[in-house]
Amino acid sequence: MKTLRIPRSPKVLLGLGITVFFALLTILGPYLAPFDPNDTSFAPNLTPSWHHWFGTTSLGQDIFSQTLVGARATIVVALVAGLVATMLSMVIGVSAGYLGGVTDDGLSLLSNVFLAIPGLPLLIVIDSYLPVASRSNSLVIGLVIALTGWAWGARVLRAQTMSLRNRDFIEASRIIGESRSRIMFAEVAPNLLPVLASSLLFTVLYSIGAYVTIAYIGLTSTSVWNWGTMLFWAQANNASLSGEWYWFVPPGICIALVGTGLALLNFGIDEFINPRLRESGLTARQRRRRGLPRRVRLGLTPVLRPLATETPRSIPMSEVTS
């Protein structure tokens, strides 16, 4: 039985390490914070030091503590939005691609409407109608972001479902009398797991950017610390003009690192499901043995071929006749 090989390329391992680090930071961040992020008892505008690793704000708040505490709200909102948006895109995309007809036309029209409307302005409009108390609720904010971020994934899943609905195993399920819902979510959906995983990663990345944006422009509650709120207060106090780079650089670096980790993981998914990309985990010696270049030329995709010493297996006549 042939086992699936987990990608071993450095970019995948780096992306996995970054993602695990921020996952742990989401869980342990508030407990690791050395100070209360709202504590104003320190001297204002302190530069980074051993006592305050990222310095202090103009109100005397510890920026390192704000960064650690803000990781939880940022990542939780992104995960909620990513999971809900991926579920919506799966249900709508698979249903439209498999059922076809009027159902496909209606769901495709709905997807096209959400794709045509700019996501961020729609998000701002919806958020402005929320009660003030709901703007500090991570679950509510995540659901609002998911409402504006599901359409692209649904279009991709619809196209993939249309390529699967006439396969032999789907026809066999229809012949034995399985229901439509079971065929869609027990036969078609498992074959779309790589697409779903890739959609989830990029939806989480979109959600982080959307949440940070609406927090930066002051549409969320400023009493809830997240990386966007840190940027909001830094901008409100003209940190960039006064040279207080240590106020806005840490949350910006965290956002960039999370995005880098998710992008690298997506490369790993491509490598895992695409045989043409699985050579990226080979060592230099293995590349030479297989006739692959040590460095891939830009714009070309190397193909992993069997070793020259490998001979094709002879097929017994009993297998041919069976």
C-alpha atoms as a PDB file:
ATOM      1  CA  MET A   1       0.000   0.000   0.000  1.00  0.00           C
ATOM      2  CA  LYS A   2       1.455   3.325  -1.041  1.00  0.00           C
ATOM      3  CA  THR A   3       1.569   5.958   1.687  1.00  0.00           C
ATOM      4  CA  LEU A   4       1.210   9.682   1.128  1.00  0.00           C
ATOM      5  CA  ARG A   5       4.433  11.605   1.613  1.00  0.00           C
ATOM      6  CA  ILE A   6       4.216  14.702   3.761  1.00  0.00           C
ATOM      7  CA  PRO A   7       5.928  17.682   2.098  1.00  0.00           C
ATOM      8  CA  ARG A   8       9.400  18.302   3.534  1.00  0.00           C
ATOM      9  CA  SER A   9      10.401  21.452   1.704  1.00  0.00           C
ATOM     10  CA  PRO A  10      11.807  24.268   3.858  1.00  0.00           C
ATOM     11  CA  LYS A  11       9.036  26.692   2.910  1.00  0.00           C
ATOM     12  CA  VAL A  12       6.357  24.293   4.133  1.00  0.00           C
ATOM     13  CA  LEU A  13       8.146  23.665   7.424  1.00  0.00           C
ATOM     14  CA  LEU A  14       8.688  27.391   7.874  1.00  0.00           C
ATOM     15  CA  GLY A  15       5.030  28.136   7.187  1.00  0.00           C
ATOM     16  CA  LEU A  16       3.952  25.424   9.603  1.00  0.00           C
ATOM     17  CA  GLY A  17       6.291  26.761  12.282  1.00  0.00           C
ATOM     18  CA  ILE A  18       4.983  30.323  11.891  1.00  0.00           C
ATOM     19  CA  THR A  19       1.368  29.156  12.009  1.00  0.00           C
ATOM     20  CA  VAL A  20       1.913  27.013  15.110  1.00  0.00           C
ATOM     21  CA  PHE A  21       3.741  29.888  16.830  1.00  0.00           C
ATOM     22  CA  PHE A  22       0.841  32.296  16.338  1.00  0.00           C
ATOM     23  CA  ALA A  23      -1.667  29.599  17.288  1.00  0.00           C
ATOM     24  CA  LEU A  24       0.136  29.210  20.610  1.00  0.00           C
ATOM     25  CA  LEU A  25       0.314  32.983  20.931  1.00  0.00           C
ATOM     26  CA  THR A  26      -3.462  33.144  20.477  1.00  0.00           C
ATOM     27  CA  ILE A  27      -3.970  30.735  23.368  1.00  0.00           C
ATOM     28  CA  LEU A  28      -1.208  31.868  25.720  1.00  0.00           C
ATOM     29  CA  GLY A  29      -0.743  35.523  24.737  1.00  0.00           C
ATOM     30  CA  PRO A  30      -2.935  37.121  27.428  1.00  0.00           C
ATOM     31  CA  TYR A  31      -1.264  34.959  30.089  1.00  0.00           C
ATOM     32  CA  LEU A  32       2.266  35.791  28.885  1.00  0.00           C
ATOM     33  CA  ALA A  33       1.681  39.550  28.806  1.00  0.00           C
ATOM     34  CA  PRO A  34       3.898  41.077  31.529  1.00  0.00           C
ATOM     35  CA  PHE A  35       1.544  44.022  32.148  1.00  0.00           C
ATOM     36  CA  ASP A  36      -2.065  45.012  31.757  1.00  0.00           C
ATOM     37  CA  PRO A  37      -2.386  46.521  28.240  1.00  0.00           C
ATOM     38  CA  ASN A  38      -4.561  49.313  29.696  1.00  0.00           C
ATOM     39  CA  ASP A  39      -2.132  50.200  32.482  1.00  0.00           C
ATOM     40  CA  THR A  40      -1.000  53.825  32.099  1.00  0.00           C
ATOM     41  CA  SER A  41       1.323  53.971  35.105  1.00  0.00           C
ATOM     42  CA  PHE A  42       4.528  53.847  33.050  1.00  0.00           C
ATOM     43  CA  ALA A  43       6.444  56.735  31.570  1.00  0.00           C
ATOM     44  CA  PRO A  44       5.133  57.697  28.110  1.00  0.00           C
ATOM     45  CA  ASN A  45       6.997  57.282  24.818  1.00  0.00           C
ATOM     46  CA  LEU A  46       9.718  55.004  26.144  1.00  0.00           C
ATOM     47  CA  THR A  47      11.882  53.374  23.493  1.00  0.00           C
ATOM     48  CA  PRO A  48      12.318  49.576  23.519  1.00  0.00           C
ATOM     49  CA  SER A  49      14.297  48.318  26.508  1.00  0.00           C
ATOM     50  CA  TRP A  50      14.665  45.235  28.669  1.00  0.00           C
ATOM     51  CA  HIS A  51      11.799  46.382  30.884  1.00  0.00           C
ATOM     52  CA  HIS A  52       9.511  47.308  27.970  1.00  0.00           C
ATOM     53  CA  TRP A  53      10.510  45.210  24.985  1.00  0.00           C
ATOM     54  CA  PHE A  54       8.471  47.234  22.480  1.00  0.00           C
ATOM     55  CA  GLY A  55       8.463  50.516  24.376  1.00  0.00           C
ATOM     56  CA  THR A  56       5.411  52.397  25.650  1.00  0.00           C
ATOM     57  CA  THR A  57       2.684  54.492  24.076  1.00  0.00           C
ATOM     58  CA  SER A  58       2.049  58.191  24.582  1.00  0.00           C
ATOM     59  CA  LEU A  59      -0.230  57.222  27.480  1.00  0.00           C
ATOM     60  CA  GLY A  60       2.380  55.024  29.126  1.00  0.00           C
ATOM     61  CA  GLN A  61       0.926  51.641  28.056  1.00  0.00           C
ATOM     62  CA  ASP A  62       3.208  48.669  27.403  1.00  0.00           C
ATOM     63  CA  ILE A  63       3.188  47.908  23.655  1.00  0.00           C
ATOM     64  CA  PHE A  64       4.531  44.374  24.063  1.00  0.00           C
ATOM     65  CA  SER A  65       1.584  43.472  26.306  1.00  0.00           C
ATOM     66  CA  GLN A  66      -0.839  44.995  23.801  1.00  0.00           C
ATOM     67  CA  THR A  67       0.699  42.909  21.019  1.00  0.00           C
ATOM     68  CA  LEU A  68       0.371  39.670  22.973  1.00  0.00           C
ATOM     69  CA  VAL A  69      -3.181  40.351  24.125  1.00  0.00           C
ATOM     70  CA  GLY A  70      -4.266  41.609  20.684  1.00  0.00           C
ATOM     71  CA  ALA A  71      -3.213  38.371  18.979  1.00  0.00           C
ATOM     72  CA  ARG A  72      -6.176  36.482  20.453  1.00  0.00           C
ATOM     73  CA  ALA A  73      -8.939  38.731  19.135  1.00  0.00           C
ATOM     74  CA  THR A  74      -7.277  39.053  15.716  1.00  0.00           C
ATOM     75  CA  ILE A  75      -6.745  35.329  15.159  1.00  0.00           C
ATOM     76  CA  VAL A  76     -10.094  34.261  16.675  1.00  0.00           C
ATOM     77  CA  VAL A  77     -12.050  36.603  14.399  1.00  0.00           C
ATOM     78  CA  ALA A  78     -10.063  35.390  11.390  1.00  0.00           C
ATOM     79  CA  LEU A  79     -10.657  31.717  12.233  1.00  0.00           C
ATOM     80  CA  VAL A  80     -14.386  32.208  12.816  1.00  0.00           C
ATOM     81  CA  ALA A  81     -14.731  34.135   9.570  1.00  0.00           C
ATOM     82  CA  GLY A  82     -12.606  31.646   7.636  1.00  0.00           C
ATOM     83  CA  LEU A  83     -14.484  28.577   8.863  1.00  0.00           C
ATOM     84  CA  VAL A  84     -17.950  30.057   8.345  1.00  0.00           C
ATOM     85  CA  ALA A  85     -17.084  31.471   4.906  1.00  0.00           C
ATOM     86  CA  THR A  86     -15.579  28.141   3.828  1.00  0.00           C
ATOM     87  CA  MET A  87     -18.701  26.271   4.954  1.00  0.00           C
ATOM     88  CA  LEU A  88     -20.920  28.720   3.067  1.00  0.00           C
ATOM     89  CA  SER A  89     -18.807  28.449  -0.063  1.00  0.00           C
ATOM     90  CA  MET A  90     -18.844  24.643   0.134  1.00  0.00           C
ATOM     91  CA  VAL A  91     -22.627  24.390   0.545  1.00  0.00           C
ATOM     92  CA  ILE A  92     -23.407  26.965  -2.141  1.00  0.00           C
ATOM     93  CA  GLY A  93     -20.656  25.948  -4.578  1.00  0.00           C
ATOM     94  CA  VAL A  94     -21.249  22.191  -4.387  1.00  0.00           C
ATOM     95  CA  SER A  95     -25.041  22.604  -4.564  1.00  0.00           C
ATOM     96  CA  ALA A  96     -24.820  24.876  -7.601  1.00  0.00           C
ATOM     97  CA  GLY A  97     -22.338  22.668  -9.417  1.00  0.00           C
ATOM     98  CA  TYR A  98     -24.115  19.371  -8.753  1.00  0.00           C
ATOM     99  CA  LEU A  99     -27.793  20.302  -9.020  1.00  0.00           C
ATOM    100  CA  GLY A 100     -27.504  22.605 -12.032  1.00  0.00           C
ATOM    101  CA  GLY A 101     -30.531  24.130 -13.726  1.00  0.00           C
ATOM    102  CA  VAL A 102     -32.509  26.820 -11.915  1.00  0.00           C
ATOM    103  CA  THR A 103     -30.664  26.164  -8.656  1.00  0.00           C
ATOM    104  CA  ASP A 104     -27.330  26.743 -10.338  1.00  0.00           C
ATOM    105  CA  ASP A 105     -28.589  29.931 -11.977  1.00  0.00           C
ATOM    106  CA  GLY A 106     -29.908  31.347  -8.703  1.00  0.00           C
ATOM    107  CA  LEU A 107     -26.861  30.491  -6.599  1.00  0.00           C
ATOM    108  CA  SER A 108     -24.480  31.672  -9.317  1.00  0.00           C
ATOM    109  CA  LEU A 109     -26.350  34.964  -9.510  1.00  0.00           C
ATOM    110  CA  LEU A 110     -26.034  35.356  -5.739  1.00  0.00           C
ATOM    111  CA  SER A 111     -22.302  34.645  -5.922  1.00  0.00           C
ATOM    112  CA  ASN A 112     -21.844  37.107  -8.765  1.00  0.00           C
ATOM    113  CA  VAL A 113     -23.642  39.835  -6.806  1.00  0.00           C
ATOM    114  CA  PHE A 114     -21.318  39.394  -3.826  1.00  0.00           C
ATOM    115  CA  LEU A 115     -18.320  39.294  -6.153  1.00  0.00           C
ATOM    116  CA  ALA A 116     -19.395  42.479  -7.925  1.00  0.00           C
ATOM    117  CA  ILE A 117     -19.891  44.466  -4.710  1.00  0.00           C
ATOM    118  CA  PRO A 118     -16.544  45.581  -3.225  1.00  0.00           C
ATOM    119  CA  GLY A 119     -15.997  43.584  -0.068  1.00  0.00           C
ATOM    120  CA  LEU A 120     -14.591  46.260   2.215  1.00  0.00           C
ATOM    121  CA  PRO A 121     -17.290  48.924   1.576  1.00  0.00           C
ATOM    122  CA  LEU A 122     -19.970  46.258   2.048  1.00  0.00           C
ATOM    123  CA  LEU A 123     -18.302  45.200   5.294  1.00  0.00           C
ATOM    124  CA  ILE A 124     -18.204  48.811   6.515  1.00  0.00           C
ATOM    125  CA  VAL A 125     -21.892  49.315   5.710  1.00  0.00           C
ATOM    126  CA  ILE A 126     -22.951  46.122   7.501  1.00  0.00           C
ATOM    127  CA  ASP A 127     -20.744  46.895  10.500  1.00  0.00           C
ATOM    128  CA  SER A 128     -22.215  50.393  10.829  1.00  0.00           C
ATOM    129  CA  TYR A 129     -25.679  48.883  11.452  1.00  0.00           C
ATOM    130  CA  LEU A 130     -24.480  46.655  14.294  1.00  0.00           C
ATOM    131  CA  PRO A 131     -25.319  47.598  17.881  1.00  0.00           C
ATOM    132  CA  VAL A 132     -22.462  49.157  19.806  1.00  0.00           C
ATOM    133  CA  ALA A 133     -22.195  46.126  22.099  1.00  0.00           C
ATOM    134  CA  SER A 134     -21.831  43.755  19.138  1.00  0.00           C
ATOM    135  CA  ARG A 135     -18.790  45.618  17.813  1.00  0.00           C
ATOM    136  CA  SER A 136     -16.728  44.205  20.673  1.00  0.00           C
ATOM    137  CA  ASN A 137     -17.962  40.631  20.088  1.00  0.00           C
ATOM    138  CA  SER A 138     -15.407  38.615  18.131  1.00  0.00           C
ATOM    139  CA  LEU A 139     -18.007  36.054  17.039  1.00  0.00           C
ATOM    140  CA  VAL A 140     -20.329  38.689  15.564  1.00  0.00           C
ATOM    141  CA  ILE A 141     -17.489  40.451  13.752  1.00  0.00           C
ATOM    142  CA  GLY A 142     -16.294  37.130  12.379  1.00  0.00           C
ATOM    143  CA  LEU A 143     -19.755  36.290  11.053  1.00  0.00           C
ATOM    144  CA  VAL A 144     -20.030  39.695   9.363  1.00  0.00           C
ATOM    145  CA  ILE A 145     -16.653  39.234   7.664  1.00  0.00           C
ATOM    146  CA  ALA A 146     -17.657  35.718   6.571  1.00  0.00           C
ATOM    147  CA  LEU A 147     -20.771  37.160   4.929  1.00  0.00           C
ATOM    148  CA  THR A 148     -18.579  39.215   2.599  1.00  0.00           C
ATOM    149  CA  GLY A 149     -15.850  36.643   1.903  1.00  0.00           C
ATOM    150  CA  TRP A 150     -17.504  33.417   0.744  1.00  0.00           C
ATOM    151  CA  ALA A 151     -18.314  34.158  -2.908  1.00  0.00           C
ATOM    152  CA  TRP A 152     -14.926  33.532  -4.523  1.00  0.00           C
ATOM    153  CA  GLY A 153     -14.546  30.128  -2.897  1.00  0.00           C
ATOM    154  CA  ALA A 154     -18.056  29.191  -3.971  1.00  0.00           C
ATOM    155  CA  ARG A 155     -17.250  29.939  -7.612  1.00  0.00           C
ATOM    156  CA  VAL A 156     -14.126  27.777  -7.505  1.00  0.00           C
ATOM    157  CA  LEU A 157     -15.936  24.886  -5.807  1.00  0.00           C
ATOM    158  CA  ARG A 158     -18.798  25.110  -8.307  1.00  0.00           C
ATOM    159  CA  ALA A 159     -16.371  24.685 -11.204  1.00  0.00           C
ATOM    160  CA  GLN A 160     -14.644  21.730  -9.503  1.00  0.00           C
ATOM    161  CA  THR A 161     -17.982  20.086  -8.719  1.00  0.00           C
ATOM    162  CA  MET A 162     -19.099  20.360 -12.337  1.00  0.00           C
ATOM    163  CA  SER A 163     -15.975  18.444 -13.354  1.00  0.00           C
ATOM    164  CA  LEU A 164     -16.783  15.663 -10.848  1.00  0.00           C
ATOM    165  CA  ARG A 165     -20.538  15.203 -11.138  1.00  0.00           C
ATOM    166  CA  ASN A 166     -20.329  12.954 -14.213  1.00  0.00           C
ATOM    167  CA  ARG A 167     -17.540  10.704 -12.920  1.00  0.00           C
ATOM    168  CA  ASP A 168     -18.124   6.973 -12.650  1.00  0.00           C
ATOM    169  CA  PHE A 169     -18.260   6.832  -8.848  1.00  0.00           C
ATOM    170  CA  ILE A 170     -20.913   9.571  -8.810  1.00  0.00           C
ATOM    171  CA  GLU A 171     -22.969   7.705 -11.411  1.00  0.00           C
ATOM    172  CA  ALA A 172     -22.633   4.553  -9.319  1.00  0.00           C
ATOM    173  CA  SER A 173     -23.965   6.398  -6.278  1.00  0.00           C
ATOM    174  CA  ARG A 174     -26.956   7.598  -8.269  1.00  0.00           C
ATOM    175  CA  ILE A 175     -27.670   4.089  -9.580  1.00  0.00           C
ATOM    176  CA  ILE A 176     -27.764   2.534  -6.105  1.00  0.00           C
ATOM    177  CA  GLY A 177     -30.258   5.185  -5.012  1.00  0.00           C
ATOM    178  CA  GLU A 178     -28.255   7.498  -2.748  1.00  0.00           C
ATOM    179  CA  SER A 179     -29.846  10.846  -2.008  1.00  0.00           C
ATOM    180  CA  ARG A 180     -28.602  14.052  -3.573  1.00  0.00           C
ATOM    181  CA  SER A 181     -27.457  15.496  -0.272  1.00  0.00           C
ATOM    182  CA  ARG A 182     -25.420  12.394   0.544  1.00  0.00           C
ATOM    183  CA  ILE A 183     -23.812  12.370  -2.892  1.00  0.00           C
ATOM    184  CA  MET A 184     -22.912  16.056  -2.624  1.00  0.00           C
ATOM    185  CA  PHE A 185     -21.457  15.983   0.877  1.00  0.00           C
ATOM    186  CA  ALA A 186     -20.240  12.389   1.201  1.00  0.00           C
ATOM    187  CA  GLU A 187     -18.997  11.717  -2.330  1.00  0.00           C
ATOM    188  CA  VAL A 188     -18.212  15.050  -3.990  1.00  0.00           C
ATOM    189  CA  ALA A 189     -17.075  17.161  -1.028  1.00  0.00           C
ATOM    190  CA  PRO A 190     -14.299  14.759   0.171  1.00  0.00           C
ATOM    191  CA  ASN A 191     -12.735  14.986  -3.296  1.00  0.00           C
ATOM    192  CA  LEU A 192     -12.587  18.772  -2.899  1.00  0.00           C
ATOM    193  CA  LEU A 193     -10.624  18.775   0.369  1.00  0.00           C
ATOM    194  CA  PRO A 194      -7.436  20.270  -1.146  1.00  0.00           C
ATOM    195  CA  VAL A 195      -9.463  23.106  -2.682  1.00  0.00           C
ATOM    196  CA  LEU A 196     -11.334  23.591   0.589  1.00  0.00           C
ATOM    197  CA  ALA A 197      -8.087  23.702   2.571  1.00  0.00           C
ATOM    198  CA  SER A 198      -6.581  26.259   0.212  1.00  0.00           C
ATOM    199  CA  SER A 199      -9.784  28.309   0.323  1.00  0.00           C
ATOM    200  CA  LEU A 200      -9.763  28.214   4.124  1.00  0.00           C
ATOM    201  CA  LEU A 201      -6.185  29.483   4.357  1.00  0.00           C
ATOM    202  CA  PHE A 202      -6.747  32.423   2.054  1.00  0.00           C
ATOM    203  CA  THR A 203     -10.125  33.239   3.613  1.00  0.00           C
ATOM    204  CA  VAL A 204      -8.434  33.407   7.016  1.00  0.00           C
ATOM    205  CA  LEU A 205      -5.811  35.693   5.507  1.00  0.00           C
ATOM    206  CA  TYR A 206      -8.521  37.894   3.974  1.00  0.00           C
ATOM    207  CA  SER A 207     -10.343  37.969   7.311  1.00  0.00           C
ATOM    208  CA  ILE A 208      -7.252  39.180   9.142  1.00  0.00           C
ATOM    209  CA  GLY A 209      -6.840  42.006   6.654  1.00  0.00           C
ATOM    210  CA  ALA A 210     -10.530  42.921   6.815  1.00  0.00           C
ATOM    211  CA  TYR A 211     -10.661  42.894  10.624  1.00  0.00           C
ATOM    212  CA  VAL A 212      -7.485  44.915  10.977  1.00  0.00           C
ATOM    213  CA  THR A 213      -8.808  47.419   8.426  1.00  0.00           C
ATOM    214  CA  ILE A 214     -12.134  48.067  10.121  1.00  0.00           C
ATOM    215  CA  ALA A 215     -10.382  48.256  13.497  1.00  0.00           C
ATOM    216  CA  TYR A 216      -7.809  50.678  12.082  1.00  0.00           C
ATOM    217  CA  ILE A 217     -10.504  53.073  10.867  1.00  0.00           C
ATOM    218  CA  GLY A 218     -12.274  52.884  14.234  1.00  0.00           C
ATOM    219  CA  LEU A 219     -15.394  50.844  13.353  1.00  0.00           C
ATOM    220  CA  THR A 220     -14.829  48.258  16.088  1.00  0.00           C
ATOM    221  CA  SER A 221     -14.754  48.808  19.817  1.00  0.00           C
ATOM    222  CA  THR A 222     -11.446  50.402  20.820  1.00  0.00           C
ATOM    223  CA  SER A 223     -11.743  48.724  24.228  1.00  0.00           C
ATOM    224  CA  VAL A 224     -10.919  45.345  22.652  1.00  0.00           C
ATOM    225  CA  TRP A 225      -7.221  45.066  21.942  1.00  0.00           C
ATOM    226  CA  ASN A 226      -6.239  43.696  18.562  1.00  0.00           C
ATOM    227  CA  TRP A 227      -3.527  44.566  16.064  1.00  0.00           C
ATOM    228  CA  GLY A 228      -5.848  46.880  14.171  1.00  0.00           C
ATOM    229  CA  THR A 229      -6.715  48.793  17.362  1.00  0.00           C
ATOM    230  CA  MET A 230      -3.005  49.262  18.047  1.00  0.00           C
ATOM    231  CA  LEU A 231      -2.574  50.767  14.592  1.00  0.00           C
ATOM    232  CA  PHE A 232      -5.635  52.968  15.189  1.00  0.00           C
ATOM    233  CA  TRP A 233      -4.197  54.490  18.373  1.00  0.00           C
ATOM    234  CA  ALA A 234      -0.762  54.850  16.776  1.00  0.00           C
ATOM    235  CA  GLN A 235      -2.277  56.760  13.866  1.00  0.00           C
ATOM    236  CA  ALA A 236      -4.484  58.857  16.174  1.00  0.00           C
ATOM    237  CA  ASN A 237      -1.425  59.954  18.133  1.00  0.00           C
ATOM    238  CA  ASN A 238       0.713  60.616  15.019  1.00  0.00           C
ATOM    239  CA  ALA A 239       3.246  57.948  15.946  1.00  0.00           C
ATOM    240  CA  SER A 240       4.695  57.871  12.440  1.00  0.00           C
ATOM    241  CA  LEU A 241       5.304  61.642  12.419  1.00  0.00           C
ATOM    242  CA  SER A 242       6.835  61.742  15.880  1.00  0.00           C
ATOM    243  CA  GLY A 243       9.244  58.885  15.141  1.00  0.00           C
ATOM    244  CA  GLU A 244       7.576  56.350  17.456  1.00  0.00           C
ATOM    245  CA  TRP A 245       8.112  53.476  15.036  1.00  0.00           C
ATOM    246  CA  TYR A 246       8.037  50.901  17.835  1.00  0.00           C
ATOM    247  CA  TRP A 247       4.312  51.617  18.275  1.00  0.00           C
ATOM    248  CA  PHE A 248       3.077  50.546  14.833  1.00  0.00           C
ATOM    249  CA  VAL A 249       5.860  48.265  13.554  1.00  0.00           C
ATOM    250  CA  PRO A 250       5.205  45.250  15.901  1.00  0.00           C
ATOM    251  CA  PRO A 251       1.544  44.733  14.904  1.00  0.00           C
ATOM    252  CA  GLY A 252       2.451  45.284  11.254  1.00  0.00           C
ATOM    253  CA  ILE A 253       5.184  42.640  11.436  1.00  0.00           C
ATOM    254  CA  CYS A 254       2.800  40.192  13.151  1.00  0.00           C
ATOM    255  CA  ILE A 255       0.206  40.648  10.404  1.00  0.00           C
ATOM    256  CA  ALA A 256       2.857  40.140   7.729  1.00  0.00           C
ATOM    257  CA  LEU A 257       4.218  37.006   9.425  1.00  0.00           C
ATOM    258  CA  VAL A 258       0.787  35.415   9.744  1.00  0.00           C
ATOM    259  CA  GLY A 259       0.128  36.102   6.065  1.00  0.00           C
ATOM    260  CA  THR A 260       3.506  34.634   5.121  1.00  0.00           C
ATOM    261  CA  GLY A 261       2.887  31.492   7.161  1.00  0.00           C
ATOM    262  CA  LEU A 262      -0.529  30.895   5.594  1.00  0.00           C
ATOM    263  CA  ALA A 263       0.822  31.471   2.089  1.00  0.00           C
ATOM    264  CA  LEU A 264       3.668  29.008   2.649  1.00  0.00           C
ATOM    265  CA  LEU A 265       1.216  26.412   3.958  1.00  0.00           C
ATOM    266  CA  ASN A 266      -0.819  26.843   0.813  1.00  0.00           C
ATOM    267  CA  PHE A 267       2.311  26.072  -1.220  1.00  0.00           C
ATOM    268  CA  GLY A 268       2.567  22.898   0.848  1.00  0.00           C
ATOM    269  CA  ILE A 269      -0.967  21.908  -0.076  1.00  0.00           C
ATOM    270  CA  ASP A 270      -0.147  22.394  -3.761  1.00  0.00           C
ATOM    271  CA  GLU A 271       2.969  20.270  -3.356  1.00  0.00           C
ATOM    272  CA  PHE A 272       1.026  17.559  -1.554  1.00  0.00           C
ATOM    273  CA  ILE A 273      -1.691  17.141  -4.175  1.00  0.00           C
ATOM    274  CA  ASN A 274       0.266  17.949  -7.329  1.00  0.00           C
ATOM    275  CA  PRO A 275       2.755  15.249  -8.414  1.00  0.00           C
ATOM    276  CA  ARG A 276       4.610  17.803 -10.558  1.00  0.00           C
ATOM    277  CA  LEU A 277       5.556  19.773  -7.454  1.00  0.00           C
ATOM    278  CA  ARG A 278       6.574  16.985  -5.093  1.00  0.00           C
ATOM    279  CA  GLU A 279      10.229  17.191  -6.041  1.00  0.00           C
ATOM    280  CA  SER A 280      10.649  20.314  -3.899  1.00  0.00           C
ATOM    281  CA  GLY A 281      11.300  18.197  -0.795  1.00  0.00           C
ATOM    282  CA  LEU A 282      14.229  16.273  -2.315  1.00  0.00           C
ATOM    283  CA  THR A 283      17.816  16.753  -1.261  1.00  0.00           C
ATOM    284  CA  ALA A 284      20.544  17.801  -3.685  1.00  0.00           C
ATOM    285  CA  ARG A 285      21.794  14.197  -4.012  1.00  0.00           C
ATOM    286  CA  GLN A 286      18.298  12.917  -4.756  1.00  0.00           C
ATOM    287  CA  ARG A 287      17.876  15.643  -7.366  1.00  0.00           C
ATOM    288  CA  ARG A 288      21.063  14.533  -9.136  1.00  0.00           C
ATOM    289  CA  ARG A 289      20.006  10.880  -9.077  1.00  0.00           C
ATOM    290  CA  ARG A 290      16.667  11.729 -10.644  1.00  0.00           C
ATOM    291  CA  GLY A 291      18.140  14.028 -13.270  1.00  0.00           C
ATOM    292  CA  LEU A 292      16.654  17.217 -11.830  1.00  0.00           C
ATOM    293  CA  PRO A 293      18.484  20.554 -11.762  1.00  0.00           C
ATOM    294  CA  ARG A 294      19.750  21.801  -8.414  1.00  0.00           C
ATOM    295  CA  ARG A 295      17.983  25.087  -8.963  1.00  0.00           C
ATOM    296  CA  VAL A 296      14.712  25.430 -10.801  1.00  0.00           C
ATOM    297  CA  ARG A 297      14.633  27.948 -13.611  1.00  0.00           C
ATOM    298  CA  LEU A 298      12.141  30.752 -13.139  1.00  0.00           C
ATOM    299  CA  GLY A 299       8.849  30.048 -14.903  1.00  0.00           C
ATOM    300  CA  LEU A 300       9.472  26.308 -15.340  1.00  0.00           C
ATOM    301  CA  THR A 301       7.935  23.483 -13.279  1.00  0.00           C
ATOM    302  CA  PRO A 302      10.246  20.461 -12.910  1.00  0.00           C
ATOM    303  CA  VAL A 303       8.670  17.018 -13.255  1.00  0.00           C
ATOM    304  CA  LEU A 304       9.563  14.208 -10.864  1.00  0.00           C
ATOM    305  CA  ARG A 305      10.146  11.078 -12.921  1.00  0.00           C
ATOM    306  CA  PRO A 306      11.010   7.497 -11.818  1.00  0.00           C
ATOM    307  CA  LEU A 307      14.661   6.547 -11.445  1.00  0.00           C
ATOM    308  CA  ALA A 308      16.362   5.130 -14.511  1.00  0.00           C
ATOM    309  CA  THR A 309      17.218   1.984 -12.535  1.00  0.00           C
ATOM    310  CA  GLU A 310      13.566   1.331 -11.751  1.00  0.00           C
ATOM    311  CA  THR A 311      12.041  -1.246 -14.065  1.00  0.00           C
ATOM    312  CA  PRO A 312       8.341  -1.534 -14.730  1.00  0.00           C
ATOM    313  CA  ARG A 313       6.601  -4.297 -12.794  1.00  0.00           C
ATOM    314  CA  SER A 314       5.367  -7.210 -14.884  1.00  0.00           C
ATOM    315  CA  ILE A 315       1.627  -7.789 -14.576  1.00  0.00           C
ATOM    316  CA  PRO A 316       0.541 -11.401 -14.061  1.00  0.00           C
ATOM    317  CA  MET A 317      -1.916 -12.805 -16.561  1.00  0.00           C
ATOM    318  CA  SER A 318      -4.399 -13.456 -13.736  1.00  0.00           C
ATOM    319  CA  GLU A 319      -4.588  -9.714 -13.007  1.00  0.00           C
ATOM    320  CA  VAL A 320      -5.126  -8.912 -16.677  1.00  0.00           C
ATOM    321  CA  THR A 321      -7.921 -11.424 -17.103  1.00  0.00           C
ATOM    322  CA  SER A 322      -9.627 -10.315 -13.874  1.00  0.00           C
END
